[in-house]
Amino acid sequence: DIKLTEAEWQRGIDYLGQVGEVSSSDRNEFALLSHVLGLSTLVLAQHDKKPTGCTEATAFHVLPEQAPLLHDLGADLKAGSNDPKGYVHGSVLDAKGVPVPHASM
C-alpha cells in the first residue's frame, strides 16, 4: 500500500547503517530502535495472551549492568538539567482493577 520508492528505501538502509555505527557491546541501538518503532510491543501483543482489559505488554531491553536504579517517589531523574520536566503517575492493577499488593512502577 505504501509503494516505497527506491530513494526512500535507500534512506532507510542508510539510517540503519548509522544506527549500526553507534551500536556497541554496551549500547544496543537496534534494540532501542525496535522499541521506538513499536516492533517490540507489536510482537508481544500478537503472541502474549492476556485477559480483556489488560494493558499491552512492553519490552524494554537493558543490559544487567545498566539495570535501572530505584528512585524515591518524586525524584528528579535529570537533576541539574534545564530541560522541561514531565510527570508520570499511575497504579498497578490486576485484570479486575484491584491494586496489586507490593507492586512498584
C-alpha atoms as a PDB file:
ATOM      1  CA  ASP A   1       0.000   0.000   0.000  1.00  0.00           C
ATOM      2  CA  ILE A   2       2.823   2.405   0.790  1.00  0.00           C
ATOM      3  CA  LYS A   3       4.671   1.990  -2.537  1.00  0.00           C
ATOM      4  CA  LEU A   4       8.056   2.785  -1.061  1.00  0.00           C
ATOM      5  CA  THR A   5      10.378   4.351  -3.636  1.00  0.00           C
ATOM      6  CA  GLU A   6      13.951   3.186  -4.161  1.00  0.00           C
ATOM      7  CA  ALA A   7      15.190   6.530  -2.803  1.00  0.00           C
ATOM      8  CA  GLU A   8      13.090   6.111   0.360  1.00  0.00           C
ATOM      9  CA  TRP A   9      14.272   2.528   0.758  1.00  0.00           C
ATOM     10  CA  GLN A  10      17.900   3.650   0.348  1.00  0.00           C
ATOM     11  CA  ARG A  11      17.413   6.346   3.001  1.00  0.00           C
ATOM     12  CA  GLY A  12      16.114   3.651   5.358  1.00  0.00           C
ATOM     13  CA  ILE A  13      19.154   1.482   4.656  1.00  0.00           C
ATOM     14  CA  ASP A  14      21.441   4.475   5.286  1.00  0.00           C
ATOM     15  CA  TYR A  15      19.665   5.148   8.581  1.00  0.00           C
ATOM     16  CA  LEU A  16      20.074   1.533   9.698  1.00  0.00           C
ATOM     17  CA  GLY A  17      23.773   1.804   8.847  1.00  0.00           C
ATOM     18  CA  GLN A  18      24.052   4.892  11.046  1.00  0.00           C
ATOM     19  CA  VAL A  19      22.319   3.050  13.879  1.00  0.00           C
ATOM     20  CA  GLY A  20      24.789   0.195  13.475  1.00  0.00           C
ATOM     21  CA  GLU A  21      27.752   2.573  13.610  1.00  0.00           C
ATOM     22  CA  VAL A  22      26.807   3.895  17.052  1.00  0.00           C
ATOM     23  CA  SER A  23      25.895   0.481  18.439  1.00  0.00           C
ATOM     24  CA  SER A  24      28.404  -1.358  20.597  1.00  0.00           C
ATOM     25  CA  SER A  25      28.500  -4.183  23.119  1.00  0.00           C
ATOM     26  CA  ASP A  26      27.104  -1.842  25.784  1.00  0.00           C
ATOM     27  CA  ARG A  27      24.878   0.316  23.555  1.00  0.00           C
ATOM     28  CA  ASN A  28      22.342  -1.668  21.534  1.00  0.00           C
ATOM     29  CA  GLU A  29      20.728   0.993  19.350  1.00  0.00           C
ATOM     30  CA  PHE A  30      18.910  -1.647  17.283  1.00  0.00           C
ATOM     31  CA  ALA A  31      17.002  -2.819  20.372  1.00  0.00           C
ATOM     32  CA  LEU A  32      16.148   0.792  21.213  1.00  0.00           C
ATOM     33  CA  LEU A  33      15.022   1.415  17.624  1.00  0.00           C
ATOM     34  CA  SER A  34      12.802  -1.667  17.816  1.00  0.00           C
ATOM     35  CA  HIS A  35      11.157  -0.215  20.929  1.00  0.00           C
ATOM     36  CA  VAL A  36      10.799   3.280  19.454  1.00  0.00           C
ATOM     37  CA  LEU A  37       9.202   1.943  16.270  1.00  0.00           C
ATOM     38  CA  GLY A  38       6.822  -0.201  18.313  1.00  0.00           C
ATOM     39  CA  LEU A  39       8.078  -3.501  16.898  1.00  0.00           C
ATOM     40  CA  SER A  40       8.800  -4.977  20.334  1.00  0.00           C
ATOM     41  CA  THR A  41       5.311  -4.128  21.572  1.00  0.00           C
ATOM     42  CA  LEU A  42       3.734  -5.439  18.347  1.00  0.00           C
ATOM     43  CA  VAL A  43       5.435  -8.816  18.705  1.00  0.00           C
ATOM     44  CA  LEU A  44       4.387  -9.092  22.352  1.00  0.00           C
ATOM     45  CA  ALA A  45       0.809  -8.019  21.579  1.00  0.00           C
ATOM     46  CA  GLN A  46       0.471 -10.615  18.831  1.00  0.00           C
ATOM     47  CA  HIS A  47       1.809 -13.505  20.892  1.00  0.00           C
ATOM     48  CA  ASP A  48       1.034 -12.849  24.573  1.00  0.00           C
ATOM     49  CA  LYS A  49      -2.423 -13.975  25.580  1.00  0.00           C
ATOM     50  CA  LYS A  50      -3.953 -11.896  28.356  1.00  0.00           C
ATOM     51  CA  PRO A  51      -7.401 -11.209  29.749  1.00  0.00           C
ATOM     52  CA  THR A  52      -9.510  -8.472  28.165  1.00  0.00           C
ATOM     53  CA  GLY A  53      -8.812  -5.079  29.694  1.00  0.00           C
ATOM     54  CA  CYS A  54      -5.141  -5.698  30.476  1.00  0.00           C
ATOM     55  CA  THR A  55      -2.535  -3.156  29.427  1.00  0.00           C
ATOM     56  CA  GLU A  56      -0.400  -4.145  26.449  1.00  0.00           C
ATOM     57  CA  ALA A  57       2.911  -5.713  27.380  1.00  0.00           C
ATOM     58  CA  THR A  58       6.014  -3.634  26.881  1.00  0.00           C
ATOM     59  CA  ALA A  59       9.509  -4.830  26.080  1.00  0.00           C
ATOM     60  CA  PHE A  60      12.462  -2.931  27.426  1.00  0.00           C
ATOM     61  CA  HIS A  61      15.999  -4.115  26.773  1.00  0.00           C
ATOM     62  CA  VAL A  62      18.564  -3.249  29.426  1.00  0.00           C
ATOM     63  CA  LEU A  63      21.936  -4.835  29.968  1.00  0.00           C
ATOM     64  CA  PRO A  64      22.226  -6.247  33.519  1.00  0.00           C
ATOM     65  CA  GLU A  65      24.969  -3.796  34.499  1.00  0.00           C
ATOM     66  CA  GLN A  66      22.750  -0.931  33.293  1.00  0.00           C
ATOM     67  CA  ALA A  67      19.659  -2.017  35.214  1.00  0.00           C
ATOM     68  CA  PRO A  68      17.586   0.971  36.302  1.00  0.00           C
ATOM     69  CA  LEU A  69      18.139   2.246  39.796  1.00  0.00           C
ATOM     70  CA  LEU A  70      15.249   2.606  42.180  1.00  0.00           C
ATOM     71  CA  HIS A  71      14.331   6.194  42.964  1.00  0.00           C
ATOM     72  CA  ASP A  72      12.126   7.684  45.636  1.00  0.00           C
ATOM     73  CA  LEU A  73       8.721   8.920  44.516  1.00  0.00           C
ATOM     74  CA  GLY A  74       9.078  12.413  43.114  1.00  0.00           C
ATOM     75  CA  ALA A  75      12.816  12.058  42.456  1.00  0.00           C
ATOM     76  CA  ASP A  76      14.289  14.332  39.784  1.00  0.00           C
ATOM     77  CA  LEU A  77      15.936  11.966  37.288  1.00  0.00           C
ATOM     78  CA  LYS A  78      17.519  14.812  35.314  1.00  0.00           C
ATOM     79  CA  ALA A  79      18.887  16.830  38.213  1.00  0.00           C
ATOM     80  CA  GLY A  80      20.777  19.864  37.019  1.00  0.00           C
ATOM     81  CA  SER A  81      19.110  19.888  33.614  1.00  0.00           C
ATOM     82  CA  ASN A  82      17.199  22.898  32.323  1.00  0.00           C
ATOM     83  CA  ASP A  83      15.030  20.681  30.122  1.00  0.00           C
ATOM     84  CA  PRO A  84      11.290  20.688  30.783  1.00  0.00           C
ATOM     85  CA  LYS A  85      10.180  18.132  33.338  1.00  0.00           C
ATOM     86  CA  GLY A  86       7.491  15.555  32.804  1.00  0.00           C
ATOM     87  CA  TYR A  87       5.471  13.876  35.488  1.00  0.00           C
ATOM     88  CA  VAL A  88       4.186  10.317  35.435  1.00  0.00           C
ATOM     89  CA  HIS A  89       1.721   8.773  37.818  1.00  0.00           C
ATOM     90  CA  GLY A  90      -0.297   5.603  37.745  1.00  0.00           C
ATOM     91  CA  SER A  91      -1.396   2.481  39.526  1.00  0.00           C
ATOM     92  CA  VAL A  92      -0.591  -1.193  39.172  1.00  0.00           C
ATOM     93  CA  LEU A  93      -3.884  -3.058  38.994  1.00  0.00           C
ATOM     94  CA  ASP A  94      -4.873  -6.642  38.267  1.00  0.00           C
ATOM     95  CA  ALA A  95      -7.277  -7.545  35.434  1.00  0.00           C
ATOM     96  CA  LYS A  96     -10.249  -6.828  37.737  1.00  0.00           C
ATOM     97  CA  GLY A  97      -8.986  -3.332  38.620  1.00  0.00           C
ATOM     98  CA  VAL A  98      -7.787  -4.259  42.102  1.00  0.00           C
ATOM     99  CA  PRO A  99      -4.434  -2.796  43.235  1.00  0.00           C
ATOM    100  CA  VAL A 100      -1.627  -5.352  43.156  1.00  0.00           C
ATOM    101  CA  PRO A 101      -0.061  -5.599  46.624  1.00  0.00           C
ATOM    102  CA  HIS A 102       3.615  -4.595  46.878  1.00  0.00           C
ATOM    103  CA  ALA A 103       3.824  -3.731  43.146  1.00  0.00           C
ATOM    104  CA  SER A 104       6.168  -0.986  42.061  1.00  0.00           C
ATOM    105  CA  MET A 105       6.262   1.132  38.925  1.00  0.00           C
END
